[in-house]
Amino acid sequence: MPRCAPLVEGTGFYDLFLPGFQVIGTFVDSKSPYDPALLTGRYAIVASKYGEGRVILSPVHPEVSAGRVGVHTVFDEGLLWLAQLDEYLEQ
């Protein structure tokens, strides 16, 4: 499956269809079976508001990145943001 890299992409109309669309992280390099040229510089985590709720799209799995505290912080803060508990987010 090296040609089927997990990407978050779509049309260039994010701001029109998803107001508040934000890129949280991009792929810097690839330590996976996928061709690094397919991932480098592409969106790794994006977030937006949708209707009355919020959504995060991420092909990466920060919840299973053992020993990487910064990655776990992104995951934890994403859950707080999804739950609309913004007052608990680090500033």
Protein backbone atom coordinates (compact mmCIF):
# COMPACT_ATOMS: atom_id res chain seq x y z
CA MET A 1 0.00 0.00 0.00
CA PRO A 2 2.86 2.49 -0.34
CA ARG A 3 0.94 4.44 -2.98
CA CYS A 4 -2.10 4.91 -0.71
CA ALA A 5 -0.65 7.35 1.81
CA PRO A 6 -3.07 8.64 4.49
CA LEU A 7 -3.58 12.26 3.44
CA VAL A 8 -5.90 15.06 4.51
CA GLU A 9 -6.57 17.03 1.38
CA GLY A 10 -9.38 18.40 -0.68
CA THR A 11 -10.38 21.45 -2.67
CA GLY A 12 -8.93 24.89 -2.08
CA PHE A 13 -12.29 26.12 -0.78
CA TYR A 14 -11.79 25.21 2.90
CA ASP A 15 -12.56 28.74 4.10
CA LEU A 16 -15.81 28.79 2.13
CA PHE A 17 -17.15 25.42 3.31
CA LEU A 18 -15.40 25.13 6.69
CA PRO A 19 -15.10 28.55 8.33
CA GLY A 20 -12.32 28.51 10.87
CA PHE A 21 -10.38 25.75 9.06
CA GLN A 22 -6.93 25.47 10.66
CA VAL A 23 -3.87 23.40 9.91
CA ILE A 24 -2.60 22.05 13.25
CA GLY A 25 0.39 20.16 11.87
CA THR A 26 2.12 19.08 8.68
CA PHE A 27 4.33 16.11 7.87
CA VAL A 28 8.00 17.07 8.14
CA ASP A 29 9.30 13.70 7.04
CA SER A 30 8.05 10.15 6.90
CA LYS A 31 9.18 7.29 9.09
CA SER A 32 6.59 5.01 7.59
CA PRO A 33 6.29 2.62 4.65
CA TYR A 34 4.99 5.50 2.52
CA ASP A 35 7.16 7.42 0.08
CA PRO A 36 8.38 10.56 1.95
CA ALA A 37 7.74 12.61 -1.20
CA LEU A 38 4.02 11.84 -0.86
CA LEU A 39 3.78 13.11 2.74
CA THR A 40 6.39 15.83 3.32
CA GLY A 41 4.69 19.23 3.62
CA ARG A 42 1.16 17.77 3.51
CA TYR A 43 -1.42 18.32 6.25
CA ALA A 44 -1.06 15.90 9.17
CA ILE A 45 -3.79 17.34 11.43
CA VAL A 46 -6.54 19.83 10.56
CA ALA A 47 -9.43 21.24 12.58
CA SER A 48 -12.59 23.19 11.89
CA LYS A 49 -16.04 23.98 13.18
CA TYR A 50 -18.95 22.20 11.54
CA GLY A 51 -22.51 23.19 12.33
CA GLU A 52 -22.75 23.46 16.13
CA GLY A 53 -19.78 21.15 16.66
CA ARG A 54 -16.10 20.80 15.97
CA VAL A 55 -14.08 18.30 13.98
CA ILE A 56 -10.44 17.20 13.83
CA LEU A 57 -9.10 15.13 10.92
CA SER A 58 -5.84 13.28 11.42
CA PRO A 59 -4.38 10.31 9.58
CA VAL A 60 -1.67 10.07 12.26
CA HIS A 61 -2.20 8.25 15.56
CA PRO A 62 -0.75 10.39 18.39
CA GLU A 63 -2.51 8.23 20.97
CA VAL A 64 -0.13 5.36 20.19
CA SER A 65 3.12 7.35 20.03
CA ALA A 66 4.81 5.95 23.13
CA GLY A 67 7.31 8.23 24.83
CA ARG A 68 6.51 11.32 22.77
CA VAL A 69 5.08 13.81 25.28
CA GLY A 70 4.58 16.63 22.77
CA VAL A 71 2.48 14.36 20.58
CA HIS A 72 0.31 13.38 23.54
CA THR A 73 -0.21 17.07 24.38
CA VAL A 74 -1.57 17.67 20.87
CA PHE A 75 -3.93 14.71 21.29
CA ASP A 76 -5.12 15.81 24.76
CA GLU A 77 -5.66 19.42 23.71
CA GLY A 78 -7.54 18.23 20.64
CA LEU A 79 -9.97 16.32 22.85
CA LEU A 80 -10.50 19.37 25.07
CA TRP A 81 -11.12 21.54 22.01
CA LEU A 82 -13.59 19.02 20.56
CA ALA A 83 -15.46 18.96 23.88
CA GLN A 84 -15.56 22.79 23.74
CA LEU A 85 -13.63 23.01 27.01
CA ASP A 86 -11.40 25.82 25.72
CA GLU A 87 -10.81 27.19 29.22
CA TYR A 88 -8.61 24.14 29.96
CA LEU A 89 -6.35 24.59 26.94
CA GLU A 90 -2.80 25.85 27.45
CA GLN A 91 -2.36 29.41 26.22
